[in-house]
Protein backbone atom coordinates (compact mmCIF):
# COMPACT_ATOMS: atom_id res chain seq x y z
CA UNK A 1 -54.91 2.02 -46.40
CA UNK A 2 -51.83 -0.19 -45.49
CA UNK A 3 -52.11 -2.63 -42.80
CA UNK A 4 -49.11 -3.08 -40.63
CA UNK A 5 -47.60 -6.72 -40.28
CA UNK A 6 -48.80 -8.74 -37.57
CA UNK A 7 -45.76 -9.81 -35.08
CA UNK A 8 -46.16 -13.21 -34.33
CA UNK A 9 -43.09 -14.06 -32.23
CA UNK A 10 -39.95 -12.14 -30.64
CA UNK A 11 -36.67 -12.69 -31.96
CA UNK A 12 -34.49 -14.28 -29.24
CA UNK A 13 -31.31 -14.76 -31.25
CA UNK A 14 -29.88 -11.71 -29.91
CA UNK A 15 -30.52 -12.59 -26.61
CA UNK A 16 -28.91 -16.02 -26.37
CA UNK A 17 -25.97 -14.49 -28.04
CA UNK A 18 -25.61 -12.14 -24.97
CA UNK A 19 -26.36 -14.84 -22.55
CA UNK A 20 -23.53 -16.95 -24.19
CA UNK A 21 -21.10 -14.36 -23.61
CA UNK A 22 -21.99 -13.84 -20.18
CA UNK A 23 -21.97 -17.29 -19.56
CA UNK A 24 -18.26 -17.12 -21.01
CA UNK A 25 -17.12 -14.35 -18.76
CA UNK A 26 -18.85 -15.93 -15.60
CA UNK A 27 -16.88 -19.43 -16.17
CA UNK A 28 -13.55 -17.59 -16.96
CA UNK A 29 -13.91 -15.50 -13.65
CA UNK A 30 -15.34 -18.02 -11.40
CA UNK A 31 -12.33 -20.32 -11.83
CA UNK A 32 -10.12 -17.46 -10.44
CA UNK A 33 -12.45 -16.95 -7.60
CA UNK A 34 -12.54 -20.55 -6.72
CA UNK A 35 -8.66 -21.14 -6.86
CA UNK A 36 -8.41 -17.84 -4.90
CA UNK A 37 -5.02 -17.63 -6.78
CA UNK A 38 -3.17 -17.98 -10.39
CA UNK A 39 -1.07 -20.83 -10.60
CA UNK A 40 2.50 -20.04 -11.24
CA UNK A 41 5.69 -21.98 -11.92
CA UNK A 42 8.55 -19.42 -10.58
CA UNK A 43 12.08 -19.87 -12.46
CA UNK A 44 14.60 -21.22 -10.11
CA UNK A 45 17.77 -18.93 -9.01
CA UNK A 46 21.11 -20.17 -7.82
CA UNK A 47 21.66 -16.94 -5.70
CA UNK A 48 19.03 -16.13 -3.04
CA UNK A 49 19.00 -12.59 -1.50
CA UNK A 50 16.22 -11.41 0.20
CA UNK A 51 16.46 -7.86 1.51
CA UNK A 52 14.52 -7.44 4.92
CA UNK A 53 13.25 -4.02 5.96
CA UNK A 54 14.78 -2.05 8.60
CA UNK A 55 12.61 -0.48 11.71
CA UNK A 56 13.71 2.62 12.64
CA UNK A 57 12.52 4.08 16.01
CA UNK A 58 12.44 7.89 16.36
CA UNK A 59 11.60 9.42 19.49
CA UNK A 60 11.07 13.18 20.41
CA UNK A 61 11.05 14.21 24.33
CA UNK A 62 8.97 17.08 25.62
CA UNK A 63 12.59 19.06 25.67
CA UNK A 64 12.84 18.59 21.96
CA UNK A 65 15.48 15.87 22.34
CA UNK A 66 15.67 13.67 19.14
CA UNK A 67 16.54 9.76 19.48
CA UNK A 68 17.05 7.37 16.59
CA UNK A 69 16.89 3.72 17.68
CA UNK A 70 17.39 5.07 21.46
CA UNK A 71 20.59 6.75 20.29
CA UNK A 72 20.66 10.61 20.92
CA UNK A 73 21.24 12.76 18.12
CA UNK A 74 21.05 16.65 17.41
CA UNK A 75 18.03 17.85 15.34
CA UNK A 76 20.73 19.47 12.79
CA UNK A 77 22.28 15.93 12.29
CA UNK A 78 18.97 14.09 11.86
CA UNK A 79 18.84 14.72 8.09
CA UNK A 80 22.44 12.96 7.76
CA UNK A 81 21.54 10.32 9.91
CA UNK A 82 18.01 9.66 8.10
CA UNK A 83 20.12 9.25 4.85
CA UNK A 84 20.52 5.49 5.33
CA UNK A 85 16.42 5.18 5.48
CA UNK A 86 14.88 3.45 2.31
CA UNK A 87 11.63 3.44 0.93
CA UNK A 88 10.98 -0.09 2.11
CA UNK A 89 12.10 0.72 5.84
CA UNK A 90 9.31 1.02 8.52
CA UNK A 91 9.71 4.24 10.74
CA UNK A 92 8.12 4.52 13.88
CA UNK A 93 7.60 8.07 15.54
CA UNK A 94 6.91 8.39 19.47
CA UNK A 95 6.76 11.59 20.57
CA UNK A 96 6.02 13.38 23.96
CA UNK A 97 2.39 14.67 24.05
CA UNK A 98 3.77 17.85 25.51
CA UNK A 99 5.89 18.30 22.37
CA UNK A 100 5.32 21.37 20.22
CA UNK A 101 3.56 20.57 17.06
CA UNK A 102 6.46 22.23 15.07
CA UNK A 103 8.66 19.74 15.80
CA UNK A 104 6.57 16.82 14.76
CA UNK A 105 6.24 18.29 11.62
CA UNK A 106 9.80 18.94 11.11
CA UNK A 107 10.19 15.11 11.23
CA UNK A 108 7.62 14.18 9.35
CA UNK A 109 8.74 16.67 6.59
CA UNK A 110 12.28 15.19 6.59
CA UNK A 111 10.73 11.96 6.05
CA UNK A 112 8.48 12.97 3.01
CA UNK A 113 11.42 14.64 1.37
CA UNK A 114 13.09 10.92 1.48
CA UNK A 115 9.82 9.59 0.06
CA UNK A 116 9.21 7.51 3.33
CA UNK A 117 5.80 6.41 3.18
CA UNK A 118 5.72 3.37 5.95
CA UNK A 119 5.23 5.66 9.01
CA UNK A 120 3.58 4.51 12.16
CA UNK A 121 3.04 6.46 15.40
CA UNK A 122 3.56 5.12 18.85
CA UNK A 123 0.74 5.82 21.36
CA UNK A 124 -0.31 4.29 24.70
CA UNK A 125 -3.34 2.56 25.19
């Protein structure tokens, strides 16, 4: 009958390799966390143009009257008026609480067709 070899110790070399890799990852990540940002030196440009997003206020009364930036507009002309809105612009909608839901959805549908995602609802506290 053969006897099994007696194990006299545990091979810790693979454990040390894994620990060194984890230590390298932790040290790399901790430098980004400690600074809170990645340091960059940006190139200079001679022309400086910054486009500020516009804010559009769209109001709907209980009588189904539409207003864009406090100017009255017909429901049929609303699509043409909103052609000037870009994806970066902000849209604030204030609708009367007695307004039929269908009119509100009509406005939201127009904004979604134009891929406007920055929409806020004006409410009273």
